[in-house]
Protein backbone atom coordinates (compact mmCIF):
# COMPACT_ATOMS: atom_id res chain seq x y z
CA MET A 1 32.67 45.25 343.25
CA LEU A 2 30.89 48.47 342.58
CA PRO A 3 27.83 49.08 344.19
CA LEU A 4 24.62 48.49 341.33
CA ARG A 5 24.05 52.01 340.70
CA HIS A 6 27.28 53.14 339.40
CA LYS A 7 27.08 49.72 338.00
CA HIS A 8 24.69 50.95 335.56
CA THR A 9 26.37 54.02 335.02
CA PHE A 10 29.15 52.60 333.80
CA LEU A 11 27.58 50.75 331.30
CA ALA A 12 26.02 53.51 329.69
CA VAL A 13 28.65 55.38 328.96
CA ARG A 14 30.59 53.00 327.32
CA PRO A 15 28.55 53.37 324.30
CA LEU A 16 28.73 56.87 324.03
CA ALA A 17 32.37 56.15 323.80
CA LEU A 18 32.50 53.87 321.43
CA MET A 19 30.51 56.30 319.41
CA SER A 20 32.80 59.37 319.65
CA PHE A 21 35.91 57.32 318.58
CA VAL A 22 34.09 55.64 315.18
CA VAL A 23 33.02 59.81 313.93
CA LEU A 24 36.98 60.15 314.75
CA LEU A 25 38.36 57.73 313.14
CA ALA A 26 35.75 58.56 309.77
CA LEU A 27 36.88 62.37 310.14
CA SER A 28 40.63 61.13 310.06
CA GLY A 29 39.99 59.63 306.58
CA CYS A 30 38.66 62.95 305.29
CA ALA A 31 41.70 65.33 306.20
CA ASP A 32 42.84 68.06 303.45
CA THR A 33 45.68 66.74 302.65
CA ASP A 34 45.74 68.15 298.33
CA PRO A 35 47.44 71.50 298.37
CA PRO A 36 46.18 74.65 295.87
CA THR A 37 46.95 73.71 292.13
CA TRP A 38 47.65 76.11 289.61
CA THR A 39 45.59 76.48 286.67
CA GLU A 40 47.84 78.13 284.10
CA GLY A 41 50.22 80.59 283.40
CA GLU A 42 53.47 81.95 285.05
CA VAL A 43 55.21 84.28 287.12
CA SER A 44 55.78 87.65 285.42
CA ILE A 45 57.40 91.10 285.97
CA GLU A 46 56.38 93.80 284.78
CA GLY A 47 56.99 97.43 284.68
CA GLU A 48 60.21 99.77 284.21
CA PRO A 49 63.28 99.83 286.70
CA GLY A 50 62.43 101.67 289.46
CA ALA A 51 58.54 100.62 288.87
CA LEU A 52 58.94 96.87 289.09
CA GLN A 53 55.65 94.40 289.84
CA LEU A 54 56.13 90.83 290.55
CA ALA A 55 52.45 89.05 289.32
CA TRP A 56 50.82 85.68 289.14
CA PRO A 57 48.03 83.58 288.08
CA ALA A 58 45.17 82.56 290.69
CA ALA A 59 45.60 79.18 292.49
CA ASN A 60 42.54 77.24 293.00
CA ASP A 61 41.86 74.66 295.87
CA PRO A 62 39.03 72.93 297.29
CA SER A 63 38.89 74.39 300.80
CA GLY A 64 39.96 77.85 299.16
CA VAL A 65 43.37 79.37 298.92
CA GLU A 66 44.38 80.91 302.28
CA ALA A 67 47.31 82.65 301.06
CA TYR A 68 50.54 84.06 298.57
CA LEU A 69 53.80 83.62 300.33
CA VAL A 70 56.51 85.76 297.93
CA ARG A 71 60.17 84.07 298.36
CA ILE A 72 62.77 85.85 297.23
CA ASP A 73 66.70 84.32 297.57
CA GLY A 74 64.74 81.57 299.01
CA ALA A 75 63.85 84.02 302.04
CA ALA A 76 60.54 85.41 302.74
CA ALA A 77 59.50 88.12 301.53
CA ALA A 78 55.60 88.39 302.22
CA ARG A 79 52.76 86.71 303.17
CA LEU A 80 49.59 88.03 300.73
CA ALA A 81 45.87 87.83 300.59
CA PRO A 82 44.64 85.32 298.24
CA THR A 83 42.37 88.69 296.47
CA SER A 84 46.27 90.10 295.86
CA GLN A 85 48.19 88.96 292.74
CA ARG A 86 50.66 91.81 292.81
CA TYR A 87 54.18 92.56 294.56
CA SER A 88 56.42 95.34 294.03
CA LEU A 89 60.41 94.68 293.93
CA ASP A 90 61.23 98.21 294.13
CA ASP A 91 63.29 97.77 297.11
CA LEU A 92 65.61 95.23 295.54
CA ASP A 93 69.41 95.01 294.76
CA SER A 94 69.57 95.84 291.42
CA VAL A 95 73.36 94.93 290.87
CA VAL A 96 72.89 91.05 291.30
CA ASP A 97 70.56 88.91 290.07
CA HIS A 98 67.33 87.24 292.35
CA ALA A 99 65.66 83.79 292.28
CA ILE A 100 61.81 84.52 292.91
CA GLU A 101 59.01 81.98 294.43
CA VAL A 102 55.59 82.50 294.65
CA VAL A 103 53.87 80.30 296.48
CA ALA A 104 50.39 79.61 297.24
CA VAL A 105 49.25 78.09 300.55
CA ASP A 106 45.73 76.50 302.28
CA SER A 107 43.77 77.04 305.25
CA VAL A 108 45.36 73.98 307.02
CA GLY A 109 49.09 74.95 305.47
CA ASN A 110 49.49 72.88 302.28
CA GLU A 111 50.98 74.36 300.17
CA SER A 112 51.40 74.60 296.31
CA THR A 113 54.43 73.62 293.80
CA ALA A 114 56.00 77.62 293.01
CA LEU A 115 56.93 79.53 290.67
CA GLY A 116 59.19 81.04 289.83
CA ALA A 117 60.90 83.52 287.56
CA THR A 118 64.32 85.66 288.08
CA LEU A 119 65.00 89.16 287.76
CA PRO A 120 68.06 89.21 286.52
CA GLY A 121 70.68 92.25 287.84
CA ASP A 122 72.20 95.24 285.46
CA HIS A 123 76.14 94.29 284.49
CA GLU A 124 76.26 96.48 281.43
CA PRO A 125 77.08 99.58 281.75
CA PRO A 126 75.85 103.00 279.86
CA VAL A 127 77.19 103.87 276.75
CA PHE A 128 77.76 107.15 275.58
CA GLY A 129 76.38 107.72 271.88
CA ALA A 130 78.75 109.51 268.64
CA GLY A 131 80.30 112.94 269.66
CA GLN A 132 83.31 113.61 272.06
CA LEU A 133 83.29 115.90 275.20
CA GLN A 134 83.89 119.47 274.09
CA ALA A 135 85.69 121.88 276.92
CA THR A 136 85.77 125.19 276.39
CA ALA A 137 87.64 128.38 278.54
CA GLU A 138 85.74 131.51 279.42
CA PHE A 139 87.91 133.84 280.51
CA GLU A 140 86.93 137.00 282.60
CA ALA A 141 88.81 139.24 284.60
CA HIS A 142 91.79 138.21 283.24
CA ARG A 143 93.40 135.47 281.91
CA GLY A 144 96.12 134.88 284.54
CA ALA A 145 92.86 134.48 287.54
CA PRO A 146 91.02 130.77 287.59
CA GLN A 147 88.51 130.37 284.74
CA SER A 148 84.99 128.83 283.50
CA VAL A 149 85.35 126.29 281.29
CA VAL A 150 82.29 124.84 280.18
CA LEU A 151 81.58 120.99 279.34
CA ARG A 152 79.57 119.87 276.68
CA TRP A 153 78.94 115.60 276.04
CA PRO A 154 76.74 114.11 273.61
CA ALA A 155 73.96 111.60 275.66
CA ALA A 156 74.42 108.11 277.18
CA THR A 157 72.47 105.22 276.79
CA ASP A 158 71.84 101.94 279.65
CA ASP A 159 70.06 98.83 279.05
CA ILE A 160 68.01 99.55 282.43
CA ALA A 161 68.37 103.00 283.63
CA LEU A 162 70.76 105.73 283.35
CA ALA A 163 71.07 107.90 286.94
CA ALA A 164 73.28 110.66 285.52
CA TYR A 165 76.71 111.93 284.04
CA LEU A 166 79.63 112.16 286.98
CA ILE A 167 82.69 115.34 286.26
CA ARG A 168 86.21 115.05 287.07
CA LEU A 169 88.73 116.89 286.95
CA ASP A 170 91.85 115.65 286.66
CA ASP A 171 91.73 112.85 289.71
CA GLY A 172 88.59 114.41 290.98
CA GLU A 173 84.97 113.89 291.37
CA VAL A 174 83.93 117.54 291.32
CA THR A 175 79.97 117.28 290.73
CA ARG A 176 77.05 114.45 289.71
CA ILE A 177 74.73 116.05 287.12
CA ALA A 178 71.27 114.53 286.95
CA ARG A 179 70.33 113.31 283.26
CA PRO A 180 69.46 114.44 280.75
CA GLN A 181 71.71 117.14 281.18
CA GLN A 182 74.47 117.42 278.76
CA GLU A 183 76.32 120.36 280.48
CA ALA A 184 78.04 121.86 282.90
CA THR A 185 80.12 124.77 283.74
CA LEU A 186 83.33 124.03 286.01
CA ARG A 187 83.83 127.67 287.87
CA ASP A 188 87.12 128.82 288.78
CA VAL A 189 89.48 126.48 286.72
CA ASP A 190 93.30 127.43 287.13
CA LEU A 191 94.02 127.68 283.24
CA GLY A 192 97.07 128.21 283.06
CA GLU A 193 97.99 124.73 284.21
CA ALA A 194 96.99 121.44 281.63
CA HIS A 195 93.91 119.74 283.32
CA ALA A 196 92.35 116.27 281.82
CA PHE A 197 88.18 117.03 281.99
CA THR A 198 86.85 114.12 282.38
CA VAL A 199 82.92 112.85 282.10
CA VAL A 200 81.30 109.56 283.19
CA ALA A 201 77.63 108.01 282.71
CA VAL A 202 76.35 105.48 285.58
CA ASP A 203 73.59 103.61 285.87
CA GLU A 204 71.06 103.47 288.84
CA ALA A 205 73.48 99.81 289.42
CA GLY A 206 76.39 102.14 289.92
CA ASN A 207 78.12 101.05 286.77
CA GLU A 208 80.05 103.78 284.94
CA SER A 209 80.79 104.02 281.23
CA ALA A 210 84.13 104.94 279.37
CA PRO A 211 84.89 107.79 280.03
CA LEU A 212 84.83 111.41 277.31
CA THR A 213 88.52 112.30 278.67
CA THR A 214 90.06 116.07 276.84
CA ARG A 215 92.89 118.44 277.41
CA ASP A 216 91.57 120.77 275.39
CA ALA A 217 90.19 123.99 276.44
CA PHE A 218 90.86 126.43 273.81
CA PRO A 219 89.93 127.29 270.53
CA PRO A 220 91.75 127.81 267.46
CA SER A 221 93.28 131.37 266.81
CA PHE A 222 94.11 132.76 263.53
CA PRO A 223 96.94 135.93 263.24
CA TYR A 224 96.13 139.17 264.73
CA ASN A 225 94.60 141.77 261.82
CA ALA A 226 94.78 138.19 259.62
CA ARG A 227 92.59 138.82 256.33
CA LEU A 228 90.86 135.63 254.18
CA GLU A 229 91.93 136.68 249.99
CA GLU A 230 90.53 135.92 246.99
CA VAL A 231 92.91 135.60 243.99
CA ALA A 232 91.08 135.23 240.57
CA THR A 233 92.72 132.18 238.87
CA GLY A 234 92.17 131.19 234.82
CA PRO A 235 91.62 132.25 232.02
CA ALA A 236 89.06 136.09 232.09
CA ASP A 237 86.43 133.93 230.49
CA ALA A 238 86.29 130.87 232.93
CA GLN A 239 88.03 132.79 235.49
CA GLY A 240 87.74 131.95 239.36
CA LEU A 241 88.17 132.47 242.96
CA ARG A 242 91.28 130.77 244.98
CA LEU A 243 90.80 131.26 248.89
CA GLU A 244 93.84 132.19 250.58
CA TRP A 245 94.83 132.18 254.58
CA PRO A 246 96.99 132.60 256.90
CA ALA A 247 97.58 129.71 259.42
CA ALA A 248 95.47 129.32 262.30
CA THR A 249 97.38 128.07 265.27
CA ASP A 250 95.84 126.32 268.66
CA ASP A 251 97.44 125.08 272.56
CA VAL A 252 96.88 121.23 271.12
CA GLY A 253 96.70 121.58 266.86
CA VAL A 254 94.58 122.97 264.35
CA VAL A 255 93.24 120.09 262.37
CA ALA A 256 91.39 121.28 259.42
CA TYR A 257 90.24 124.23 257.83
CA ALA A 258 86.54 124.10 256.88
CA ILE A 259 85.26 126.11 253.64
CA ARG A 260 82.00 127.55 254.48
CA ARG A 261 78.89 129.54 252.83
CA GLY A 262 76.82 130.60 255.55
CA THR A 263 76.10 127.60 257.37
CA GLU A 264 76.82 124.47 254.47
CA GLU A 265 79.95 123.61 254.35
CA VAL A 266 81.12 123.06 251.33
CA ALA A 267 85.26 121.71 251.54
CA ARG A 268 87.30 120.10 254.24
CA VAL A 269 90.59 120.53 253.93
CA ASP A 270 93.76 119.06 255.48
CA ALA A 271 95.50 121.48 258.72
CA SER A 272 98.49 121.97 255.92
CA ILE A 273 96.25 122.98 252.94
CA LEU A 274 96.00 127.25 253.17
CA SER A 275 93.58 127.56 249.97
CA HIS A 276 90.90 126.04 248.13
CA ASP A 277 89.53 127.28 244.48
CA LEU A 278 86.05 128.10 244.80
CA GLY A 279 85.96 127.37 240.68
CA PRO A 280 84.71 129.19 237.56
CA GLY A 281 81.55 131.36 238.43
CA ALA A 282 81.67 130.25 242.34
CA PRO A 283 80.32 133.48 244.67
CA SER A 284 82.16 134.38 247.45
CA GLN A 285 79.53 136.32 249.41
CA GLY A 286 79.37 134.90 252.15
CA VAL A 287 82.15 132.29 252.52
CA ALA A 288 84.95 131.92 255.88
CA VAL A 289 86.83 129.42 256.48
CA VAL A 290 86.70 127.26 259.77
CA ALA A 291 90.00 126.44 261.75
CA LEU A 292 89.15 122.90 263.82
CA ASP A 293 90.83 120.85 266.40
CA ALA A 294 90.13 117.83 267.70
CA ALA A 295 88.23 119.04 270.37
CA GLY A 296 85.52 120.39 268.25
CA HIS A 297 86.32 124.24 268.97
CA GLU A 298 86.53 126.49 266.13
CA CYS A 299 87.48 129.69 264.34
CA VAL A 300 85.92 131.75 262.01
CA LEU A 301 87.92 134.12 259.06
CA ARG A 302 85.37 135.87 256.95
CA GLY A 303 85.36 136.90 253.70
CA PRO A 304 84.80 140.02 252.25
CA SER A 305 81.94 141.80 253.29
CA PRO A 306 80.39 142.89 249.85
CA GLY A 307 78.26 145.99 251.41
CA LEU A 308 80.86 147.31 254.06
CA ALA A 309 83.30 147.30 251.12
CA ALA A 310 81.20 149.32 249.01
CA GLU A 311 80.74 151.32 251.83
CA ILE A 312 84.40 151.96 252.35
CA ALA A 313 85.24 152.62 248.62
CA ALA A 314 82.63 155.44 248.36
CA ARG A 315 84.15 157.06 251.78
CA ASP A 316 88.17 156.63 250.00
CA ARG A 317 86.50 158.00 246.25
CA MET A 318 84.87 161.06 248.99
CA ALA A 319 88.08 161.94 251.29
CA MET A 320 90.53 161.55 247.73
CA GLU A 321 88.14 164.73 246.27
CA VAL A 322 88.14 166.45 249.36
CA ALA A 323 92.19 165.76 249.31
CA VAL A 324 92.31 166.92 245.58
CA ALA A 325 90.05 169.62 246.07
CA MET A 326 92.62 170.86 249.09
CA ARG A 327 94.94 170.76 247.07
CA GLU A 328 93.79 172.40 244.14
CA ALA A 329 93.41 174.97 246.90
CA GLN A 330 96.76 175.42 248.08
CA THR A 331 97.81 175.84 244.62
CA MET A 332 95.58 178.59 244.12
CA LEU A 333 96.91 179.84 247.81
CA LEU A 334 100.10 180.38 246.44
CA GLY A 335 99.39 181.34 243.10
CA SER A 336 97.61 184.22 244.61
CA LEU A 337 99.97 185.36 247.83
CA GLY A 338 103.21 184.25 245.70
CA ASP A 339 105.23 181.93 248.16
CA SER A 340 106.48 184.38 250.90
CA GLY A 341 110.59 183.00 250.42
CA GLY A 342 109.58 179.05 250.63
CA ARG A 343 106.77 180.03 254.38
CA LEU A 344 103.71 178.66 252.70
CA SER A 345 105.26 175.68 250.80
CA ASP A 346 107.31 174.49 254.61
CA MET A 347 104.15 175.20 256.02
CA PHE A 348 101.27 173.01 253.68
CA LEU A 349 104.56 170.09 253.44
CA ALA A 350 104.26 169.79 257.52
CA ALA A 351 99.92 170.05 257.06
CA ASP A 352 100.86 167.00 255.01
CA VAL A 353 103.58 165.26 257.34
CA ASP A 354 100.99 165.21 260.38
CA ASP A 355 98.44 164.18 258.36
CA GLU A 356 99.76 160.62 257.14
CA ARG A 357 98.49 159.00 260.43
CA PRO A 358 96.26 156.13 260.84
CA SER A 359 92.85 156.67 261.31
CA ALA A 360 89.66 154.62 261.90
CA GLY A 361 87.28 152.61 259.45
CA VAL A 362 85.40 149.96 259.89
CA GLY A 363 86.73 146.16 261.41
CA VAL A 364 85.43 142.82 259.64
CA ALA A 365 85.08 144.36 256.20
CA MET A 366 87.77 142.95 254.18
CA GLY A 367 87.96 139.91 255.47
CA GLU A 368 90.38 140.05 258.73
CA TRP A 369 89.63 137.62 261.94
CA GLU A 370 86.53 138.11 263.90
CA ALA A 371 87.64 139.51 267.64
CA PRO A 372 87.16 141.66 270.09
CA GLY A 373 86.83 145.85 268.96
CA ARG A 374 90.42 147.29 269.05
CA ALA A 375 89.65 151.23 268.59
CA THR A 376 92.52 153.27 266.26
CA GLY A 377 90.71 156.21 266.46
CA GLY A 378 87.50 157.48 265.08
CA GLY A 379 85.02 155.68 267.96
CA THR A 380 84.03 152.82 265.43
CA GLY A 381 85.31 150.38 268.32
CA GLU A 382 87.41 147.88 265.72
CA GLY A 383 90.34 148.78 263.89
CA VAL A 384 91.54 149.30 260.41
CA VAL A 385 93.04 146.96 258.20
CA GLY A 386 93.93 148.52 254.85
CA HIS A 387 91.90 151.40 254.50
CA ALA A 388 93.77 154.70 256.33
CA VAL A 389 92.31 157.88 255.29
CA PRO A 390 93.54 159.92 252.70
CA THR A 391 95.91 163.20 253.80
CA GLY A 392 93.75 165.98 255.25
CA THR A 393 90.68 164.09 256.40
CA ASN A 394 88.61 162.66 259.26
CA ALA A 395 87.50 159.13 259.18
CA ALA A 396 83.99 160.07 258.12
CA GLY A 397 85.56 161.17 255.21
CA GLU A 398 85.27 164.81 256.54
CA ALA A 399 87.52 167.91 255.58
CA GLU A 400 89.55 168.20 259.53
């Protein structure tokens, strides 16, 4: 039995313990078990590829929202302050689909229902627009050495984001060209061998387009000194004009000839056709025939230039007048001095034979093939096509 003084202390403590128990019992009935709720809206994905953001509405909770939890593919990605309602998605792999959830949590850890969204991966490859790959050889020191090849191609598009163009020579990748560039130069290409030139568009997810490929790096060519002939057709009162030209050649094949007046294409004919009727009254000035191959290369054969043709005709007339005057002078000498036993006649005849030689004129004047300068005398830098200078004169029509 306790002493009397301790007995009174024990009896005084028991009412305090009882009160604490009652308070705890009351408080346990008021514990926060309600999770936060979403009033409206849903998770959305905003922005462009490379700058995507997740956005969601605010949640409500009587005791206050403590944080927002972002989960991607079931794994925790971020815990954000209750004032944050956006999250960047830049670091996600764009190849596969991603399941995204946002959960609101209160101060005691109650979680709301999840707001979900799906970020689709990039499964579609880029697509090239209309057109084709064109490879054009550029010759430098001499044809046998490695050369440069210029590639040009149409633009490609992608449903999400185009990243670059891949350039391949035969089976190997040569370079990567950043968009939006649509031209590349390959150097030191040995064009003594056939090559396959390929361009592929690739997107940010690594999807590759269907390839554009060509093996044709050379344009067509007309024969050296080729001429675009003009032939009158029909009666005099309704006379037309027919263009005629020699066949062009190509390493792969000529596919067509285009007839152009300036920059306007007035007709196109099959590669087997080497003439075209312009029709009555149609002017021939500025007309050209263009040989085309399947790769889009061109070779131009121009028609006569009226200005240059008139200049050559004037030079021819002047040269003829000088030749006639020289012949008259020779005749006068023979009449005045006598033939001297045939020696003067022999000298004049020898001079005539010696002067029958090619002379320089004006190139591209009467419809020949456009080509680099090919001087044959006189110093114009271009050769003559059917315009020999008469005996006894030089290219300028002056007496020698």
